[in-house]
Amino acid sequence: MKTLIVNNYLGRKKVFRVVEAVEKFSEYEVLSYAQTKELGRAAGNFDAIILTGSEARITRSEHVKLFSAVSELIKDSSTPTFGICFGHQLACLTFGAEVGSLKSPVKRFEKIRVLKENEIFRGFGKGGFAWLAEYHHDYVKKRSLRRAGLELLADSSSCEVEAVKHERKPFYGVQFHPEKAEIGGEKHFDGLKILKNFFNLCGSRRDIG
């Protein structure tokens, strides 16, 4: 299988952690958010799509405008898609959800509570917990999910929307960074388990190893 990694970072270097995680499960191609023509032709040519995080702020309209091609890809694609942090926020905004800013940014491993049995949280169980890396200042508002066609899958003490699934499209979005397993010497590998679950849905037969 082959995965499209949409690099939403404003530079090329920060995408490497996502690449390292994805290559455990799939072949891949990286396209920048700024490669508008290539993104316009990408829908349907891949088995999976990953939308990365970004330094951009989803609450700033001048930033969101930079990602119009990514928003169009999200609208047009029927390919299984996994949004990470900013990628998750951008997709939710594209579907019609509201976004906001936290009083202070979250930069740590967070204890995420699984609210519903779901494919990407397979093995965690309803009411179970996962330790996942967080680096964000903005978030998606819970009250706006239903009208955007989104279902809440997980939350935490710091963020009311940690994971969602679209009701009709094969889209999953997470506020955390599943590709990151270490912060300041603290290590947790639940994120890779979640990515593995997503890629299993897409037909990958690779294992973490």
N, C-alpha and C. Protein backbone atom coordinates (compact mmCIF):
# COMPACT_ATOMS: atom_id res chain seq x y z
N MET A 1 0.83 -1.19 0.00
CA MET A 1 0.00 0.00 0.00
C MET A 1 0.87 1.25 0.00
N LYS A 2 0.28 2.38 -0.40
CA LYS A 2 1.02 3.63 -0.45
C LYS A 2 0.22 4.75 0.22
N THR A 3 0.93 5.54 1.01
CA THR A 3 0.30 6.60 1.80
C THR A 3 0.79 7.97 1.34
N LEU A 4 -0.13 8.90 1.23
CA LEU A 4 0.22 10.30 0.99
C LEU A 4 0.36 11.00 2.33
N ILE A 5 1.54 11.54 2.60
CA ILE A 5 1.75 12.37 3.78
C ILE A 5 1.66 13.82 3.33
N VAL A 6 0.65 14.54 3.80
CA VAL A 6 0.53 15.96 3.49
C VAL A 6 1.27 16.73 4.57
N ASN A 7 2.39 17.33 4.18
CA ASN A 7 3.24 18.06 5.13
C ASN A 7 2.68 19.47 5.34
N ASN A 8 2.04 19.67 6.48
CA ASN A 8 1.47 20.98 6.81
C ASN A 8 2.44 21.88 7.55
N TYR A 9 3.62 21.34 7.87
CA TYR A 9 4.63 22.18 8.53
C TYR A 9 5.13 23.23 7.55
N LEU A 10 5.50 24.38 8.08
CA LEU A 10 5.92 25.48 7.22
C LEU A 10 7.31 25.26 6.63
N GLY A 11 8.03 24.27 7.17
CA GLY A 11 9.32 23.87 6.63
C GLY A 11 9.33 22.37 6.39
N ARG A 12 10.44 21.84 5.90
CA ARG A 12 10.51 20.42 5.55
C ARG A 12 11.00 19.54 6.69
N LYS A 13 11.75 20.10 7.63
CA LYS A 13 12.46 19.27 8.60
C LYS A 13 11.54 18.57 9.61
N LYS A 14 10.49 19.25 10.05
CA LYS A 14 9.68 18.71 11.15
C LYS A 14 8.83 17.51 10.76
N VAL A 15 8.70 17.25 9.48
CA VAL A 15 7.86 16.14 9.05
C VAL A 15 8.53 14.79 9.27
N PHE A 16 9.82 14.78 9.64
CA PHE A 16 10.57 13.52 9.67
C PHE A 16 10.00 12.52 10.66
N ARG A 17 9.46 12.97 11.79
CA ARG A 17 8.91 12.01 12.76
C ARG A 17 7.68 11.30 12.20
N VAL A 18 6.88 12.03 11.46
CA VAL A 18 5.71 11.40 10.83
C VAL A 18 6.17 10.39 9.79
N VAL A 19 7.17 10.75 9.00
CA VAL A 19 7.72 9.84 7.99
C VAL A 19 8.25 8.58 8.65
N GLU A 20 9.01 8.73 9.73
CA GLU A 20 9.56 7.56 10.43
C GLU A 20 8.47 6.63 10.92
N ALA A 21 7.36 7.20 11.38
CA ALA A 21 6.26 6.38 11.88
C ALA A 21 5.52 5.70 10.73
N VAL A 22 5.23 6.43 9.68
CA VAL A 22 4.44 5.89 8.56
C VAL A 22 5.19 4.78 7.84
N GLU A 23 6.51 4.93 7.68
CA GLU A 23 7.26 3.93 6.92
C GLU A 23 7.33 2.58 7.63
N LYS A 24 6.90 2.51 8.88
CA LYS A 24 6.79 1.22 9.56
C LYS A 24 5.65 0.39 8.99
N PHE A 25 4.69 1.06 8.37
CA PHE A 25 3.48 0.39 7.93
C PHE A 25 3.20 0.48 6.44
N SER A 26 3.84 1.41 5.73
CA SER A 26 3.43 1.67 4.35
C SER A 26 4.53 2.37 3.57
N GLU A 27 4.51 2.18 2.25
CA GLU A 27 5.29 3.07 1.39
C GLU A 27 4.62 4.43 1.43
N TYR A 28 5.34 5.47 1.05
CA TYR A 28 4.76 6.81 1.21
C TYR A 28 5.31 7.79 0.18
N GLU A 29 4.58 8.88 0.02
CA GLU A 29 5.03 10.04 -0.73
C GLU A 29 4.67 11.28 0.08
N VAL A 30 5.56 12.26 0.12
CA VAL A 30 5.31 13.49 0.87
C VAL A 30 5.02 14.63 -0.09
N LEU A 31 3.92 15.32 0.12
CA LEU A 31 3.60 16.53 -0.62
C LEU A 31 3.39 17.67 0.37
N SER A 32 3.96 18.82 0.08
CA SER A 32 3.76 20.00 0.92
C SER A 32 2.37 20.59 0.71
N TYR A 33 1.85 21.22 1.74
CA TYR A 33 0.57 21.92 1.63
C TYR A 33 0.59 22.96 0.51
N ALA A 34 1.79 23.44 0.16
CA ALA A 34 1.93 24.48 -0.86
C ALA A 34 1.97 23.92 -2.28
N GLN A 35 2.05 22.60 -2.44
CA GLN A 35 2.07 21.98 -3.76
C GLN A 35 0.64 21.80 -4.26
N THR A 36 0.01 22.90 -4.59
CA THR A 36 -1.43 22.90 -4.86
C THR A 36 -1.83 22.04 -6.05
N LYS A 37 -1.06 22.09 -7.14
CA LYS A 37 -1.40 21.31 -8.32
C LYS A 37 -1.31 19.82 -8.03
N GLU A 38 -0.24 19.41 -7.35
CA GLU A 38 -0.04 18.00 -7.04
C GLU A 38 -1.13 17.49 -6.09
N LEU A 39 -1.48 18.31 -5.11
CA LEU A 39 -2.54 17.91 -4.18
C LEU A 39 -3.87 17.78 -4.90
N GLY A 40 -4.09 18.63 -5.88
CA GLY A 40 -5.33 18.58 -6.64
C GLY A 40 -5.50 17.30 -7.43
N ARG A 41 -4.37 16.66 -7.76
CA ARG A 41 -4.42 15.41 -8.52
C ARG A 41 -4.28 14.18 -7.63
N ALA A 42 -4.13 14.39 -6.32
CA ALA A 42 -3.77 13.29 -5.42
C ALA A 42 -4.94 12.41 -5.03
N ALA A 43 -6.13 12.96 -4.95
CA ALA A 43 -7.29 12.20 -4.49
C ALA A 43 -7.49 10.94 -5.33
N GLY A 44 -7.56 9.80 -4.66
CA GLY A 44 -7.80 8.54 -5.35
C GLY A 44 -6.55 7.80 -5.77
N ASN A 45 -5.39 8.42 -5.63
CA ASN A 45 -4.14 7.78 -6.06
C ASN A 45 -3.39 7.10 -4.92
N PHE A 46 -3.96 7.13 -3.72
CA PHE A 46 -3.28 6.54 -2.56
C PHE A 46 -4.26 5.68 -1.77
N ASP A 47 -3.70 4.80 -0.95
CA ASP A 47 -4.52 3.93 -0.10
C ASP A 47 -4.85 4.58 1.23
N ALA A 48 -4.06 5.59 1.61
CA ALA A 48 -4.27 6.28 2.88
C ALA A 48 -3.68 7.68 2.78
N ILE A 49 -4.19 8.59 3.59
CA ILE A 49 -3.68 9.96 3.65
C ILE A 49 -3.43 10.33 5.10
N ILE A 50 -2.27 10.92 5.36
CA ILE A 50 -1.94 11.45 6.69
C ILE A 50 -1.80 12.96 6.57
N LEU A 51 -2.51 13.69 7.41
CA LEU A 51 -2.40 15.15 7.48
C LEU A 51 -1.59 15.49 8.71
N THR A 52 -0.41 16.08 8.54
CA THR A 52 0.48 16.33 9.68
C THR A 52 0.04 17.54 10.50
N GLY A 53 0.75 17.72 11.60
CA GLY A 53 0.59 18.93 12.40
C GLY A 53 1.24 20.11 11.70
N SER A 54 1.29 21.25 12.40
CA SER A 54 1.86 22.46 11.82
C SER A 54 2.12 23.49 12.91
N GLU A 55 3.04 24.41 12.61
CA GLU A 55 3.24 25.56 13.50
C GLU A 55 2.13 26.59 13.30
N ALA A 56 1.40 26.48 12.20
CA ALA A 56 0.31 27.41 11.91
C ALA A 56 -0.79 27.28 12.96
N ARG A 57 -1.54 28.34 13.13
CA ARG A 57 -2.63 28.36 14.11
C ARG A 57 -3.97 28.32 13.38
N ILE A 58 -4.79 27.35 13.73
CA ILE A 58 -6.08 27.18 13.07
C ILE A 58 -7.04 28.32 13.40
N THR A 59 -6.75 29.07 14.46
CA THR A 59 -7.62 30.18 14.87
C THR A 59 -7.27 31.48 14.16
N ARG A 60 -6.27 31.45 13.29
CA ARG A 60 -5.87 32.65 12.56
C ARG A 60 -6.23 32.48 11.09
N SER A 61 -7.15 33.30 10.61
CA SER A 61 -7.65 33.14 9.25
C SER A 61 -6.56 33.28 8.20
N GLU A 62 -5.56 34.13 8.49
CA GLU A 62 -4.47 34.31 7.52
C GLU A 62 -3.63 33.04 7.40
N HIS A 63 -3.60 32.23 8.45
CA HIS A 63 -2.90 30.95 8.39
C HIS A 63 -3.75 29.92 7.63
N VAL A 64 -5.02 29.85 7.97
CA VAL A 64 -5.91 28.86 7.35
C VAL A 64 -5.94 29.01 5.83
N LYS A 65 -5.88 30.24 5.34
CA LYS A 65 -5.90 30.49 3.90
C LYS A 65 -4.76 29.80 3.17
N LEU A 66 -3.64 29.60 3.86
CA LEU A 66 -2.48 28.95 3.24
C LEU A 66 -2.77 27.49 2.87
N PHE A 67 -3.78 26.91 3.50
CA PHE A 67 -4.02 25.47 3.37
C PHE A 67 -5.29 25.17 2.57
N SER A 68 -5.65 26.06 1.67
CA SER A 68 -6.88 25.87 0.88
C SER A 68 -6.83 24.61 0.03
N ALA A 69 -5.66 24.27 -0.50
CA ALA A 69 -5.54 23.06 -1.32
C ALA A 69 -5.74 21.80 -0.48
N VAL A 70 -5.27 21.84 0.76
CA VAL A 70 -5.45 20.70 1.66
C VAL A 70 -6.94 20.56 2.01
N SER A 71 -7.60 21.68 2.25
CA SER A 71 -9.03 21.64 2.54
C SER A 71 -9.82 21.05 1.38
N GLU A 72 -9.44 21.40 0.16
CA GLU A 72 -10.12 20.84 -1.02
C GLU A 72 -9.88 19.34 -1.12
N LEU A 73 -8.67 18.91 -0.80
CA LEU A 73 -8.36 17.47 -0.81
C LEU A 73 -9.24 16.75 0.21
N ILE A 74 -9.39 17.34 1.39
CA ILE A 74 -10.22 16.75 2.43
C ILE A 74 -11.66 16.61 1.96
N LYS A 75 -12.18 17.63 1.30
CA LYS A 75 -13.56 17.61 0.80
C LYS A 75 -13.76 16.56 -0.28
N ASP A 76 -12.80 16.45 -1.20
CA ASP A 76 -12.97 15.63 -2.40
C ASP A 76 -12.62 14.16 -2.20
N SER A 77 -11.75 13.87 -1.26
CA SER A 77 -11.20 12.52 -1.14
C SER A 77 -12.14 11.56 -0.43
N SER A 78 -12.18 10.33 -0.92
CA SER A 78 -12.87 9.24 -0.24
C SER A 78 -11.87 8.23 0.30
N THR A 79 -10.59 8.60 0.29
CA THR A 79 -9.51 7.76 0.79
C THR A 79 -9.45 7.85 2.31
N PRO A 80 -9.23 6.74 3.02
CA PRO A 80 -9.07 6.80 4.47
C PRO A 80 -8.02 7.83 4.87
N THR A 81 -8.39 8.74 5.75
CA THR A 81 -7.55 9.88 6.10
C THR A 81 -7.42 10.00 7.61
N PHE A 82 -6.20 10.33 8.05
CA PHE A 82 -5.90 10.45 9.48
C PHE A 82 -5.26 11.81 9.71
N GLY A 83 -5.96 12.69 10.44
CA GLY A 83 -5.46 14.03 10.72
C GLY A 83 -4.80 14.10 12.08
N ILE A 84 -3.61 14.70 12.12
CA ILE A 84 -2.84 14.83 13.36
C ILE A 84 -2.77 16.30 13.77
N CYS A 85 -3.20 16.61 14.98
CA CYS A 85 -3.08 17.94 15.57
C CYS A 85 -3.66 19.01 14.63
N PHE A 86 -2.83 19.84 14.01
CA PHE A 86 -3.34 20.85 13.09
C PHE A 86 -4.10 20.21 11.94
N GLY A 87 -3.62 19.08 11.44
CA GLY A 87 -4.32 18.39 10.35
C GLY A 87 -5.72 17.97 10.76
N HIS A 88 -5.86 17.53 11.99
CA HIS A 88 -7.16 17.19 12.58
C HIS A 88 -8.03 18.43 12.67
N GLN A 89 -7.47 19.52 13.18
CA GLN A 89 -8.23 20.77 13.33
C GLN A 89 -8.68 21.31 11.98
N LEU A 90 -7.78 21.27 10.99
CA LEU A 90 -8.11 21.77 9.66
C LEU A 90 -9.25 20.98 9.03
N ALA A 91 -9.19 19.67 9.16
CA ALA A 91 -10.24 18.83 8.60
C ALA A 91 -11.58 19.10 9.29
N CYS A 92 -11.55 19.18 10.61
CA CYS A 92 -12.79 19.44 11.35
C CYS A 92 -13.38 20.79 10.96
N LEU A 93 -12.53 21.80 10.82
CA LEU A 93 -12.98 23.12 10.38
C LEU A 93 -13.57 23.04 8.98
N THR A 94 -12.93 22.28 8.10
CA THR A 94 -13.42 22.10 6.73
C THR A 94 -14.81 21.46 6.72
N PHE A 95 -15.03 20.52 7.63
CA PHE A 95 -16.33 19.85 7.71
C PHE A 95 -17.41 20.73 8.36
N GLY A 96 -17.00 21.83 9.00
CA GLY A 96 -17.97 22.74 9.59
C GLY A 96 -17.93 22.87 11.09
N ALA A 97 -16.93 22.29 11.74
CA ALA A 97 -16.78 22.40 13.19
C ALA A 97 -16.17 23.75 13.56
N GLU A 98 -16.28 24.10 14.84
CA GLU A 98 -15.70 25.33 15.36
C GLU A 98 -14.40 25.02 16.08
N VAL A 99 -13.49 26.00 16.08
CA VAL A 99 -12.21 25.84 16.77
C VAL A 99 -12.04 26.99 17.76
N GLY A 100 -11.16 26.78 18.73
CA GLY A 100 -10.87 27.81 19.72
C GLY A 100 -9.47 27.64 20.25
N SER A 101 -9.10 28.48 21.20
CA SER A 101 -7.75 28.44 21.79
C SER A 101 -7.84 28.14 23.28
N LEU A 102 -6.92 27.33 23.77
CA LEU A 102 -6.81 27.05 25.20
C LEU A 102 -6.18 28.25 25.90
N LYS A 103 -6.36 28.34 27.22
CA LYS A 103 -5.76 29.43 27.98
C LYS A 103 -4.24 29.35 27.95
N SER A 104 -3.72 28.14 27.93
CA SER A 104 -2.27 27.94 27.85
C SER A 104 -2.00 26.69 27.03
N PRO A 105 -0.90 26.65 26.28
CA PRO A 105 -0.60 25.49 25.43
C PRO A 105 -0.31 24.24 26.23
N VAL A 106 -0.57 23.09 25.62
CA VAL A 106 -0.27 21.79 26.22
C VAL A 106 0.96 21.22 25.54
N LYS A 107 1.98 20.89 26.35
CA LYS A 107 3.23 20.33 25.81
C LYS A 107 3.71 19.24 26.74
N ARG A 108 3.10 18.06 26.63
CA ARG A 108 3.43 16.95 27.52
C ARG A 108 2.70 15.69 27.05
N PHE A 109 3.01 14.57 27.71
CA PHE A 109 2.18 13.38 27.52
C PHE A 109 0.88 13.59 28.29
N GLU A 110 -0.23 13.29 27.64
CA GLU A 110 -1.54 13.47 28.25
C GLU A 110 -2.25 12.12 28.35
N LYS A 111 -3.01 11.94 29.41
CA LYS A 111 -3.79 10.72 29.60
C LYS A 111 -5.12 10.88 28.86
N ILE A 112 -5.26 10.16 27.77
CA ILE A 112 -6.43 10.27 26.91
C ILE A 112 -7.45 9.19 27.28
N ARG A 113 -8.70 9.58 27.42
CA ARG A 113 -9.77 8.64 27.77
C ARG A 113 -10.55 8.25 26.52
N VAL A 114 -10.66 6.96 26.27
CA VAL A 114 -11.41 6.44 25.13
C VAL A 114 -12.89 6.38 25.51
N LEU A 115 -13.73 7.08 24.75
CA LEU A 115 -15.15 7.18 25.07
C LEU A 115 -16.00 6.13 24.36
N LYS A 116 -15.55 5.68 23.19
CA LYS A 116 -16.32 4.72 22.41
C LYS A 116 -15.41 3.67 21.80
N GLU A 117 -15.92 2.45 21.74
CA GLU A 117 -15.22 1.39 21.02
C GLU A 117 -15.07 1.83 19.57
N ASN A 118 -13.87 1.70 19.04
CA ASN A 118 -13.64 2.17 17.67
C ASN A 118 -12.42 1.48 17.10
N GLU A 119 -12.37 1.44 15.76
CA GLU A 119 -11.28 0.74 15.08
C GLU A 119 -9.90 1.29 15.44
N ILE A 120 -9.75 2.61 15.52
CA ILE A 120 -8.41 3.15 15.76
C ILE A 120 -7.97 3.00 17.22
N PHE A 121 -8.94 2.78 18.11
CA PHE A 121 -8.59 2.53 19.52
C PHE A 121 -8.76 1.06 19.88
N ARG A 122 -8.65 0.21 18.88
CA ARG A 122 -8.75 -1.23 19.13
C ARG A 122 -7.66 -1.65 20.11
N GLY A 123 -8.06 -2.40 21.14
CA GLY A 123 -7.10 -2.85 22.15
C GLY A 123 -7.08 -1.99 23.39
N PHE A 124 -7.71 -0.81 23.32
CA PHE A 124 -7.75 0.08 24.49
C PHE A 124 -9.05 -0.07 25.27
N GLY A 125 -10.14 -0.34 24.57
CA GLY A 125 -11.43 -0.57 25.21
C GLY A 125 -12.14 0.71 25.62
N LYS A 126 -13.48 0.65 25.63
CA LYS A 126 -14.27 1.79 26.09
C LYS A 126 -13.96 2.09 27.54
N GLY A 127 -13.66 3.34 27.83
CA GLY A 127 -13.29 3.73 29.19
C GLY A 127 -11.82 3.53 29.48
N GLY A 128 -11.08 2.98 28.51
CA GLY A 128 -9.65 2.79 28.68
C GLY A 128 -8.88 4.09 28.48
N PHE A 129 -7.59 4.02 28.77
CA PHE A 129 -6.75 5.22 28.67
C PHE A 129 -5.51 4.94 27.82
N ALA A 130 -5.00 6.01 27.22
CA ALA A 130 -3.76 5.94 26.45
C ALA A 130 -2.93 7.17 26.77
N TRP A 131 -1.61 6.99 26.84
CA TRP A 131 -0.70 8.11 27.07
C TRP A 131 -0.15 8.56 25.73
N LEU A 132 -0.42 9.83 25.40
CA LEU A 132 -0.09 10.33 24.07
C LEU A 132 0.50 11.73 24.12
N ALA A 133 1.42 12.01 23.20
CA ALA A 133 2.14 13.29 23.18
C ALA A 133 1.25 14.42 22.67
N GLU A 134 1.29 15.54 23.37
CA GLU A 134 0.48 16.71 23.01
C GLU A 134 1.38 17.93 22.82
N TYR A 135 1.16 18.65 21.72
CA TYR A 135 1.84 19.92 21.44
C TYR A 135 0.83 20.83 20.74
N HIS A 136 0.00 21.54 21.49
CA HIS A 136 -1.00 22.37 20.82
C HIS A 136 -1.49 23.49 21.71
N HIS A 137 -2.01 24.53 21.05
CA HIS A 137 -2.60 25.67 21.73
C HIS A 137 -4.09 25.79 21.37
N ASP A 138 -4.46 25.25 20.22
CA ASP A 138 -5.83 25.35 19.73
C ASP A 138 -6.53 23.99 19.82
N TYR A 139 -7.84 24.00 19.66
CA TYR A 139 -8.61 22.76 19.78
C TYR A 139 -9.92 22.88 19.00
N VAL A 140 -10.58 21.75 18.82
CA VAL A 140 -11.90 21.70 18.17
C VAL A 140 -12.96 21.69 19.27
N LYS A 141 -14.02 22.47 19.07
CA LYS A 141 -15.06 22.59 20.09
C LYS A 141 -16.07 21.44 20.01
N LYS A 142 -16.28 20.81 21.14
CA LYS A 142 -17.16 19.66 21.23
C LYS A 142 -18.58 19.97 20.76
N ARG A 143 -19.08 21.13 21.12
CA ARG A 143 -20.47 21.49 20.83
C ARG A 143 -20.77 21.55 19.33
N SER A 144 -19.72 21.68 18.52
CA SER A 144 -19.91 21.85 17.08
C SER A 144 -19.76 20.55 16.29
N LEU A 145 -19.45 19.46 16.95
CA LEU A 145 -19.14 18.21 16.24
C LEU A 145 -20.33 17.65 15.48
N ARG A 146 -21.47 17.60 16.12
CA ARG A 146 -22.62 16.93 15.50
C ARG A 146 -23.00 17.56 14.17
N ARG A 147 -23.08 18.88 14.13
CA ARG A 147 -23.49 19.53 12.89
C ARG A 147 -22.44 19.40 11.79
N ALA A 148 -21.19 19.08 12.18
CA ALA A 148 -20.13 18.85 11.20
C ALA A 148 -20.05 17.39 10.77
N GLY A 149 -20.95 16.56 11.30
CA GLY A 149 -20.95 15.15 10.95
C GLY A 149 -19.84 14.36 11.61
N LEU A 150 -19.40 14.82 12.78
CA LEU A 150 -18.28 14.19 13.47
C LEU A 150 -18.73 13.55 14.78
N GLU A 151 -18.11 12.43 15.10
CA GLU A 151 -18.42 11.69 16.32
C GLU A 151 -17.22 11.75 17.26
N LEU A 152 -17.46 12.09 18.52
CA LEU A 152 -16.38 12.19 19.51
C LEU A 152 -15.96 10.80 19.97
N LEU A 153 -14.66 10.52 19.90
CA LEU A 153 -14.14 9.21 20.29
C LEU A 153 -13.34 9.24 21.58
N ALA A 154 -12.70 10.39 21.89
CA ALA A 154 -11.83 10.45 23.07
C ALA A 154 -11.70 11.89 23.55
N ASP A 155 -11.45 12.04 24.87
CA ASP A 155 -11.20 13.35 25.44
C ASP A 155 -10.11 13.24 26.50
N SER A 156 -9.79 14.36 27.14
CA SER A 156 -8.81 14.38 28.23
C SER A 156 -9.14 15.52 29.17
N SER A 157 -8.40 15.62 30.26
CA SER A 157 -8.65 16.69 31.23
C SER A 157 -8.30 18.06 30.67
N SER A 158 -7.44 18.10 29.65
CA SER A 158 -7.01 19.38 29.09
C SER A 158 -7.71 19.75 27.79
N CYS A 159 -8.36 18.77 27.15
CA CYS A 159 -8.96 19.03 25.83
C CYS A 159 -10.23 18.20 25.66
N GLU A 160 -11.34 18.86 25.35
CA GLU A 160 -12.63 18.17 25.25
C GLU A 160 -12.78 17.33 24.00
N VAL A 161 -11.94 17.56 23.01
CA VAL A 161 -11.96 16.75 21.78
C VAL A 161 -10.54 16.27 21.49
N GLU A 162 -10.28 15.01 21.79
CA GLU A 162 -8.96 14.42 21.52
C GLU A 162 -8.97 13.54 20.28
N ALA A 163 -10.13 13.02 19.91
CA ALA A 163 -10.21 12.18 18.71
C ALA A 163 -11.64 12.17 18.19
N VAL A 164 -11.76 12.16 16.87
CA VAL A 164 -13.08 12.13 16.22
C VAL A 164 -13.07 11.17 15.04
N LYS A 165 -14.28 10.82 14.62
CA LYS A 165 -14.48 10.05 13.40
C LYS A 165 -15.63 10.70 12.64
N HIS A 166 -15.49 10.81 11.31
CA HIS A 166 -16.59 11.35 10.51
C HIS A 166 -17.67 10.29 10.35
N GLU A 167 -18.91 10.73 10.37
CA GLU A 167 -20.03 9.78 10.31
C GLU A 167 -20.18 9.10 8.96
N ARG A 168 -19.74 9.77 7.88
CA ARG A 168 -19.93 9.21 6.53
C ARG A 168 -18.63 8.99 5.76
N LYS A 169 -17.66 9.82 5.99
CA LYS A 169 -16.38 9.70 5.28
C LYS A 169 -15.39 8.90 6.13
N PRO A 170 -14.41 8.24 5.49
CA PRO A 170 -13.41 7.47 6.24
C PRO A 170 -12.33 8.38 6.81
N PHE A 171 -12.75 9.30 7.68
CA PHE A 171 -11.82 10.27 8.28
C PHE A 171 -11.75 10.09 9.79
N TYR A 172 -10.50 10.12 10.29
CA TYR A 172 -10.23 10.11 11.72
C TYR A 172 -9.31 11.27 12.04
N GLY A 173 -9.58 11.97 13.12
CA GLY A 173 -8.73 13.08 13.52
C GLY A 173 -8.35 12.96 14.99
N VAL A 174 -7.09 13.27 15.30
CA VAL A 174 -6.63 13.20 16.69
C VAL A 174 -5.88 14.48 17.04
N GLN A 175 -6.09 14.97 18.25
CA GLN A 175 -5.42 16.19 18.69
C GLN A 175 -3.96 15.92 19.07
N PHE A 176 -3.68 14.70 19.45
CA PHE A 176 -2.33 14.33 19.90
C PHE A 176 -1.41 13.98 18.73
N HIS A 177 -0.16 13.70 19.06
CA HIS A 177 0.85 13.32 18.06
C HIS A 177 1.22 11.85 18.25
N PRO A 178 0.56 10.94 17.54
CA PRO A 178 0.84 9.51 17.72
C PRO A 178 2.23 9.11 17.25
N GLU A 179 2.83 9.93 16.39
CA GLU A 179 4.16 9.61 15.86
C GLU A 179 5.27 9.86 16.87
N LYS A 180 4.97 10.57 17.94
CA LYS A 180 5.99 10.94 18.92
C LYS A 180 5.88 10.05 20.15
N ALA A 181 6.96 9.35 20.48
CA ALA A 181 6.94 8.38 21.57
C ALA A 181 7.77 8.82 22.77
N GLU A 182 8.48 9.94 22.68
CA GLU A 182 9.33 10.35 23.80
C GLU A 182 9.31 11.87 23.97
N ILE A 183 9.18 12.29 25.22
CA ILE A 183 9.29 13.70 25.59
C ILE A 183 10.14 13.78 26.85
N GLY A 184 11.29 14.40 26.75
CA GLY A 184 12.15 14.61 27.91
C GLY A 184 12.51 13.35 28.66
N GLY A 185 12.72 12.26 27.94
CA GLY A 185 13.09 11.00 28.57
C GLY A 185 11.91 10.11 28.92
N GLU A 186 10.71 10.66 28.95
CA GLU A 186 9.50 9.87 29.20
C GLU A 186 9.05 9.23 27.89
N LYS A 187 8.76 7.92 27.93
CA LYS A 187 8.41 7.21 26.70
C LYS A 187 7.07 6.49 26.84
N HIS A 188 6.26 6.60 25.80
CA HIS A 188 5.00 5.87 25.69
C HIS A 188 4.79 5.52 24.21
N PHE A 189 4.29 4.31 23.96
CA PHE A 189 4.17 3.83 22.58
C PHE A 189 2.73 3.59 22.14
N ASP A 190 1.78 4.15 22.89
CA ASP A 190 0.38 3.98 22.52
C ASP A 190 0.07 4.61 21.17
N GLY A 191 0.78 5.69 20.83
CA GLY A 191 0.54 6.36 19.56
C GLY A 191 0.79 5.46 18.37
N LEU A 192 1.87 4.67 18.43
CA LEU A 192 2.17 3.76 17.33
C LEU A 192 1.12 2.66 17.22
N LYS A 193 0.55 2.26 18.35
CA LYS A 193 -0.53 1.26 18.31
C LYS A 193 -1.75 1.82 17.58
N ILE A 194 -2.03 3.10 17.82
CA ILE A 194 -3.17 3.74 17.16
C ILE A 194 -2.91 3.88 15.66
N LEU A 195 -1.70 4.27 15.29
CA LEU A 195 -1.36 4.33 13.87
C LEU A 195 -1.44 2.96 13.22
N LYS A 196 -0.99 1.94 13.92
CA LYS A 196 -1.08 0.59 13.38
C LYS A 196 -2.53 0.21 13.13
N ASN A 197 -3.41 0.54 14.06
CA ASN A 197 -4.84 0.25 13.88
C ASN A 197 -5.39 0.94 12.63
N PHE A 198 -4.99 2.20 12.43
CA PHE A 198 -5.45 2.93 11.24
C PHE A 198 -4.95 2.26 9.96
N PHE A 199 -3.67 1.94 9.93
CA PHE A 199 -3.12 1.34 8.71
C PHE A 199 -3.66 -0.07 8.48
N ASN A 200 -4.01 -0.78 9.53
CA ASN A 200 -4.66 -2.08 9.35
C ASN A 200 -6.01 -1.90 8.65
N LEU A 201 -6.71 -0.83 9.00
CA LEU A 201 -7.98 -0.52 8.33
C LEU A 201 -7.78 -0.29 6.83
N CYS A 202 -6.63 0.28 6.51
CA CYS A 202 -6.33 0.64 5.11
C CYS A 202 -5.75 -0.52 4.32
N GLY A 203 -5.50 -1.64 4.99
CA GLY A 203 -5.01 -2.81 4.29
C GLY A 203 -3.55 -3.15 4.50
N SER A 204 -2.86 -2.42 5.39
CA SER A 204 -1.46 -2.71 5.65
C SER A 204 -1.32 -4.04 6.37
N ARG A 205 -0.30 -4.78 6.02
CA ARG A 205 -0.04 -6.04 6.70
C ARG A 205 1.31 -5.99 7.43
N ARG A 206 1.92 -4.81 7.47
CA ARG A 206 3.17 -4.67 8.19
C ARG A 206 2.91 -4.60 9.68
N ASP A 207 3.90 -4.99 10.48
CA ASP A 207 3.80 -4.90 11.93
C ASP A 207 4.85 -3.92 12.42
N ILE A 208 4.70 -3.49 13.68
CA ILE A 208 5.67 -2.56 14.25
C ILE A 208 7.04 -3.20 14.33
N GLY A 209 7.08 -4.49 14.58
CA GLY A 209 8.34 -5.21 14.60
C GLY A 209 9.06 -5.15 15.92
